[in-house]
Amino acid sequence: MDILSVIKLLPAKMSGLIEKRADMPGTPTLMTAIESARRDWQQALKEMDHADGELSDYIIFKINSAERHYMLLLKQAKQEGVTAWSAAPDKIATIPLNIHP
């Protein structure tokens, strides 16, 4: 087998590996990654309450990093069309604006 035939086979083999990896039970889904990133961000915010002068710069960096990671995952979910609710709700509850007798 020459090198050119190996190079031609690589994309097919790689896509098969990626599909197998996505089906593995330990692979986190986008939703679990988003939830984990949200928890990390909340934890970083809580750590600010216990930070002293020397750690405050690190905690601020950690908060900013966790927030950006969370926002990036939300942006990815939006691009993939993932929503927190169904696209077409069955019935939308309305509140009357004029409630005076």
N, C-alpha and C. Protein backbone atom coordinates (compact mmCIF):
# COMPACT_ATOMS: atom_id res chain seq x y z
N MET A 1 0.86 -1.17 0.00
CA MET A 1 0.00 0.00 0.00
C MET A 1 0.90 1.23 0.00
N ASP A 2 0.67 2.11 -0.94
CA ASP A 2 1.49 3.32 -1.02
C ASP A 2 0.90 4.44 -0.17
N ILE A 3 1.66 5.49 -0.02
CA ILE A 3 1.27 6.60 0.86
C ILE A 3 0.03 7.33 0.36
N LEU A 4 -0.14 7.44 -0.95
CA LEU A 4 -1.31 8.14 -1.50
C LEU A 4 -2.61 7.42 -1.18
N SER A 5 -2.59 6.11 -1.25
CA SER A 5 -3.81 5.37 -0.92
C SER A 5 -4.15 5.48 0.57
N VAL A 6 -3.12 5.54 1.40
CA VAL A 6 -3.35 5.72 2.83
C VAL A 6 -3.96 7.09 3.10
N ILE A 7 -3.44 8.12 2.43
CA ILE A 7 -3.96 9.48 2.61
C ILE A 7 -5.41 9.57 2.15
N LYS A 8 -5.75 8.86 1.08
CA LYS A 8 -7.12 8.89 0.58
C LYS A 8 -8.09 8.19 1.54
N LEU A 9 -7.61 7.20 2.28
CA LEU A 9 -8.46 6.47 3.22
C LEU A 9 -8.63 7.19 4.56
N LEU A 10 -7.76 8.12 4.87
CA LEU A 10 -7.79 8.78 6.18
C LEU A 10 -9.11 9.48 6.50
N PRO A 11 -9.68 10.29 5.61
CA PRO A 11 -10.94 10.97 5.98
C PRO A 11 -12.06 10.01 6.36
N ALA A 12 -12.18 8.91 5.64
CA ALA A 12 -13.23 7.94 5.95
C ALA A 12 -12.99 7.29 7.31
N LYS A 13 -11.76 6.96 7.58
CA LYS A 13 -11.43 6.33 8.86
C LYS A 13 -11.61 7.31 10.02
N MET A 14 -11.22 8.56 9.81
CA MET A 14 -11.34 9.56 10.87
C MET A 14 -12.81 9.85 11.19
N SER A 15 -13.65 9.94 10.17
CA SER A 15 -15.07 10.20 10.44
C SER A 15 -15.69 9.05 11.21
N GLY A 16 -15.27 7.83 10.92
CA GLY A 16 -15.76 6.68 11.67
C GLY A 16 -15.35 6.74 13.13
N LEU A 17 -14.13 7.18 13.38
CA LEU A 17 -13.66 7.31 14.76
C LEU A 17 -14.43 8.39 15.50
N ILE A 18 -14.70 9.49 14.82
CA ILE A 18 -15.44 10.58 15.46
C ILE A 18 -16.85 10.13 15.80
N GLU A 19 -17.50 9.39 14.90
CA GLU A 19 -18.85 8.89 15.17
C GLU A 19 -18.84 7.93 16.35
N LYS A 20 -17.84 7.05 16.41
CA LYS A 20 -17.75 6.11 17.52
C LYS A 20 -17.52 6.86 18.83
N ARG A 21 -16.70 7.89 18.79
CA ARG A 21 -16.41 8.67 20.00
C ARG A 21 -17.68 9.36 20.50
N ALA A 22 -18.50 9.86 19.61
CA ALA A 22 -19.73 10.55 20.01
C ALA A 22 -20.73 9.59 20.64
N ASP A 23 -20.67 8.31 20.27
CA ASP A 23 -21.61 7.34 20.81
C ASP A 23 -21.16 6.74 22.13
N MET A 24 -19.94 7.04 22.56
CA MET A 24 -19.42 6.46 23.80
C MET A 24 -20.20 7.02 24.99
N PRO A 25 -20.48 6.18 25.98
CA PRO A 25 -21.29 6.65 27.10
C PRO A 25 -20.61 7.73 27.94
N GLY A 26 -19.30 7.78 27.98
CA GLY A 26 -18.61 8.77 28.79
C GLY A 26 -18.46 10.12 28.12
N THR A 27 -18.86 10.24 26.87
CA THR A 27 -18.70 11.49 26.14
C THR A 27 -19.78 12.48 26.56
N PRO A 28 -19.37 13.67 27.02
CA PRO A 28 -20.39 14.64 27.44
C PRO A 28 -21.12 15.24 26.26
N THR A 29 -22.39 15.45 26.42
CA THR A 29 -23.17 16.11 25.39
C THR A 29 -23.03 17.61 25.56
N LEU A 30 -23.52 18.34 24.61
CA LEU A 30 -23.45 19.80 24.69
C LEU A 30 -24.23 20.30 25.90
N MET A 31 -25.37 19.71 26.17
CA MET A 31 -26.19 20.15 27.31
C MET A 31 -25.48 19.91 28.64
N THR A 32 -24.82 18.77 28.79
CA THR A 32 -24.09 18.51 30.04
C THR A 32 -22.89 19.43 30.15
N ALA A 33 -22.25 19.74 29.03
CA ALA A 33 -21.12 20.68 29.06
C ALA A 33 -21.59 22.08 29.46
N ILE A 34 -22.75 22.48 28.96
CA ILE A 34 -23.30 23.79 29.33
C ILE A 34 -23.63 23.83 30.82
N GLU A 35 -24.25 22.79 31.32
CA GLU A 35 -24.60 22.76 32.74
C GLU A 35 -23.35 22.76 33.61
N SER A 36 -22.34 22.02 33.21
CA SER A 36 -21.08 21.99 33.95
C SER A 36 -20.41 23.36 33.94
N ALA A 37 -20.41 24.03 32.80
CA ALA A 37 -19.81 25.36 32.69
C ALA A 37 -20.57 26.37 33.55
N ARG A 38 -21.89 26.24 33.61
CA ARG A 38 -22.69 27.14 34.44
C ARG A 38 -22.36 26.94 35.92
N ARG A 39 -22.23 25.68 36.33
CA ARG A 39 -21.87 25.39 37.72
C ARG A 39 -20.48 25.91 38.06
N ASP A 40 -19.53 25.77 37.12
CA ASP A 40 -18.18 26.29 37.34
C ASP A 40 -18.19 27.80 37.51
N TRP A 41 -19.00 28.48 36.71
CA TRP A 41 -19.10 29.93 36.79
C TRP A 41 -19.70 30.35 38.14
N GLN A 42 -20.76 29.66 38.56
CA GLN A 42 -21.38 29.97 39.85
C GLN A 42 -20.41 29.71 41.00
N GLN A 43 -19.65 28.64 40.91
CA GLN A 43 -18.68 28.32 41.95
C GLN A 43 -17.59 29.39 42.02
N ALA A 44 -17.15 29.86 40.88
CA ALA A 44 -16.13 30.92 40.85
C ALA A 44 -16.68 32.20 41.48
N LEU A 45 -17.94 32.50 41.23
CA LEU A 45 -18.55 33.68 41.85
C LEU A 45 -18.63 33.53 43.38
N LYS A 46 -18.93 32.33 43.85
CA LYS A 46 -18.99 32.09 45.29
C LYS A 46 -17.61 32.19 45.94
N GLU A 47 -16.57 31.80 45.20
CA GLU A 47 -15.21 31.86 45.74
C GLU A 47 -14.77 33.29 45.99
N MET A 48 -15.36 34.24 45.29
CA MET A 48 -14.99 35.64 45.48
C MET A 48 -15.31 36.11 46.90
N ASP A 49 -16.33 35.52 47.52
CA ASP A 49 -16.68 35.89 48.89
C ASP A 49 -15.59 35.52 49.89
N HIS A 50 -14.78 34.52 49.56
CA HIS A 50 -13.77 34.02 50.48
C HIS A 50 -12.35 34.37 50.05
N ALA A 51 -12.20 35.20 49.05
CA ALA A 51 -10.87 35.53 48.54
C ALA A 51 -10.26 36.68 49.34
N ASP A 52 -8.98 36.52 49.64
CA ASP A 52 -8.28 37.63 50.29
C ASP A 52 -7.56 38.44 49.21
N GLY A 53 -6.79 39.40 49.60
CA GLY A 53 -6.15 40.32 48.67
C GLY A 53 -5.31 39.66 47.60
N GLU A 54 -4.53 38.65 47.97
CA GLU A 54 -3.63 38.01 47.01
C GLU A 54 -4.38 37.12 46.02
N LEU A 55 -5.46 36.54 46.44
CA LEU A 55 -6.21 35.63 45.58
C LEU A 55 -7.26 36.32 44.72
N SER A 56 -7.55 37.56 45.00
CA SER A 56 -8.65 38.22 44.29
C SER A 56 -8.38 38.33 42.79
N ASP A 57 -7.14 38.59 42.38
CA ASP A 57 -6.84 38.66 40.95
C ASP A 57 -7.08 37.31 40.28
N TYR A 58 -6.66 36.24 40.95
CA TYR A 58 -6.87 34.90 40.40
C TYR A 58 -8.36 34.58 40.30
N ILE A 59 -9.11 34.92 41.33
CA ILE A 59 -10.55 34.63 41.32
C ILE A 59 -11.25 35.42 40.22
N ILE A 60 -10.85 36.68 40.03
CA ILE A 60 -11.44 37.49 38.95
C ILE A 60 -11.14 36.86 37.60
N PHE A 61 -9.92 36.40 37.41
CA PHE A 61 -9.56 35.70 36.17
C PHE A 61 -10.40 34.45 36.00
N LYS A 62 -10.57 33.70 37.09
CA LYS A 62 -11.36 32.47 37.04
C LYS A 62 -12.82 32.75 36.70
N ILE A 63 -13.37 33.81 37.28
CA ILE A 63 -14.76 34.19 36.99
C ILE A 63 -14.91 34.54 35.51
N ASN A 64 -14.01 35.38 35.01
CA ASN A 64 -14.08 35.79 33.61
C ASN A 64 -13.92 34.61 32.67
N SER A 65 -13.01 33.72 32.99
CA SER A 65 -12.78 32.54 32.16
C SER A 65 -14.01 31.63 32.14
N ALA A 66 -14.57 31.38 33.31
CA ALA A 66 -15.75 30.51 33.40
C ALA A 66 -16.94 31.13 32.68
N GLU A 67 -17.10 32.45 32.82
CA GLU A 67 -18.21 33.12 32.14
C GLU A 67 -18.05 33.03 30.62
N ARG A 68 -16.86 33.26 30.13
CA ARG A 68 -16.63 33.18 28.68
C ARG A 68 -16.86 31.77 28.16
N HIS A 69 -16.43 30.77 28.93
CA HIS A 69 -16.64 29.38 28.51
C HIS A 69 -18.14 29.08 28.43
N TYR A 70 -18.89 29.50 29.42
CA TYR A 70 -20.33 29.30 29.44
C TYR A 70 -21.00 29.99 28.26
N MET A 71 -20.63 31.24 28.01
CA MET A 71 -21.22 32.00 26.91
C MET A 71 -20.87 31.38 25.56
N LEU A 72 -19.65 30.87 25.43
CA LEU A 72 -19.25 30.21 24.19
C LEU A 72 -20.10 28.97 23.93
N LEU A 73 -20.34 28.19 24.97
CA LEU A 73 -21.17 26.99 24.81
C LEU A 73 -22.62 27.36 24.49
N LEU A 74 -23.13 28.43 25.10
CA LEU A 74 -24.48 28.88 24.76
C LEU A 74 -24.56 29.33 23.31
N LYS A 75 -23.53 30.00 22.83
CA LYS A 75 -23.49 30.44 21.44
C LYS A 75 -23.47 29.23 20.50
N GLN A 76 -22.69 28.21 20.88
CA GLN A 76 -22.64 26.99 20.07
C GLN A 76 -24.00 26.31 20.05
N ALA A 77 -24.67 26.26 21.19
CA ALA A 77 -26.00 25.64 21.24
C ALA A 77 -26.98 26.41 20.37
N LYS A 78 -26.89 27.73 20.39
CA LYS A 78 -27.78 28.55 19.56
C LYS A 78 -27.54 28.27 18.09
N GLN A 79 -26.26 28.15 17.70
CA GLN A 79 -25.93 27.86 16.30
C GLN A 79 -26.44 26.49 15.87
N GLU A 80 -26.48 25.56 16.81
CA GLU A 80 -26.96 24.21 16.50
C GLU A 80 -28.48 24.11 16.62
N GLY A 81 -29.13 25.18 17.03
CA GLY A 81 -30.58 25.18 17.13
C GLY A 81 -31.13 24.57 18.40
N VAL A 82 -30.30 24.43 19.42
CA VAL A 82 -30.74 23.87 20.69
C VAL A 82 -31.46 24.96 21.48
N THR A 83 -32.64 24.64 21.99
CA THR A 83 -33.39 25.59 22.81
C THR A 83 -33.78 24.93 24.12
N ALA A 84 -34.16 25.75 25.07
CA ALA A 84 -34.57 25.24 26.38
C ALA A 84 -36.03 24.82 26.39
N TRP A 85 -36.76 25.17 25.35
CA TRP A 85 -38.18 24.83 25.27
C TRP A 85 -38.49 24.44 23.83
N SER A 86 -39.67 23.91 23.63
CA SER A 86 -40.05 23.50 22.28
C SER A 86 -40.18 24.72 21.38
N ALA A 87 -39.95 24.53 20.10
CA ALA A 87 -39.97 25.64 19.15
C ALA A 87 -41.36 26.23 19.00
N ALA A 88 -42.39 25.41 19.10
CA ALA A 88 -43.76 25.90 18.94
C ALA A 88 -44.58 25.48 20.15
N PRO A 89 -44.69 26.35 21.15
CA PRO A 89 -45.49 25.98 22.32
C PRO A 89 -46.95 25.78 21.94
N ASP A 90 -47.59 24.82 22.61
CA ASP A 90 -48.98 24.50 22.30
C ASP A 90 -49.91 25.68 22.60
N LYS A 91 -49.74 26.25 23.75
CA LYS A 91 -50.63 27.34 24.13
C LYS A 91 -49.83 28.34 24.96
N ILE A 92 -49.90 29.58 24.60
CA ILE A 92 -49.19 30.61 25.33
C ILE A 92 -50.19 31.32 26.23
N ALA A 93 -49.89 31.36 27.51
CA ALA A 93 -50.77 32.03 28.47
C ALA A 93 -50.60 33.53 28.33
N THR A 94 -51.71 34.22 28.28
CA THR A 94 -51.67 35.68 28.20
C THR A 94 -52.28 36.27 29.46
N ILE A 95 -51.75 37.39 29.85
CA ILE A 95 -52.26 38.09 31.02
C ILE A 95 -53.01 39.32 30.51
N PRO A 96 -54.26 39.48 30.92
CA PRO A 96 -55.00 40.66 30.45
C PRO A 96 -54.37 41.93 31.00
N LEU A 97 -54.22 42.92 30.14
CA LEU A 97 -53.61 44.17 30.55
C LEU A 97 -54.57 45.06 31.32
N ASN A 98 -55.83 45.04 30.95
CA ASN A 98 -56.83 45.87 31.60
C ASN A 98 -57.60 45.02 32.61
N ILE A 99 -57.18 45.07 33.87
CA ILE A 99 -57.82 44.23 34.88
C ILE A 99 -58.78 45.00 35.77
N HIS A 100 -58.97 46.29 35.53
CA HIS A 100 -59.89 47.09 36.34
C HIS A 100 -61.33 46.84 35.89
N PRO A 101 -62.29 46.83 36.87
CA PRO A 101 -63.70 46.59 36.50
C PRO A 101 -64.32 47.72 35.75
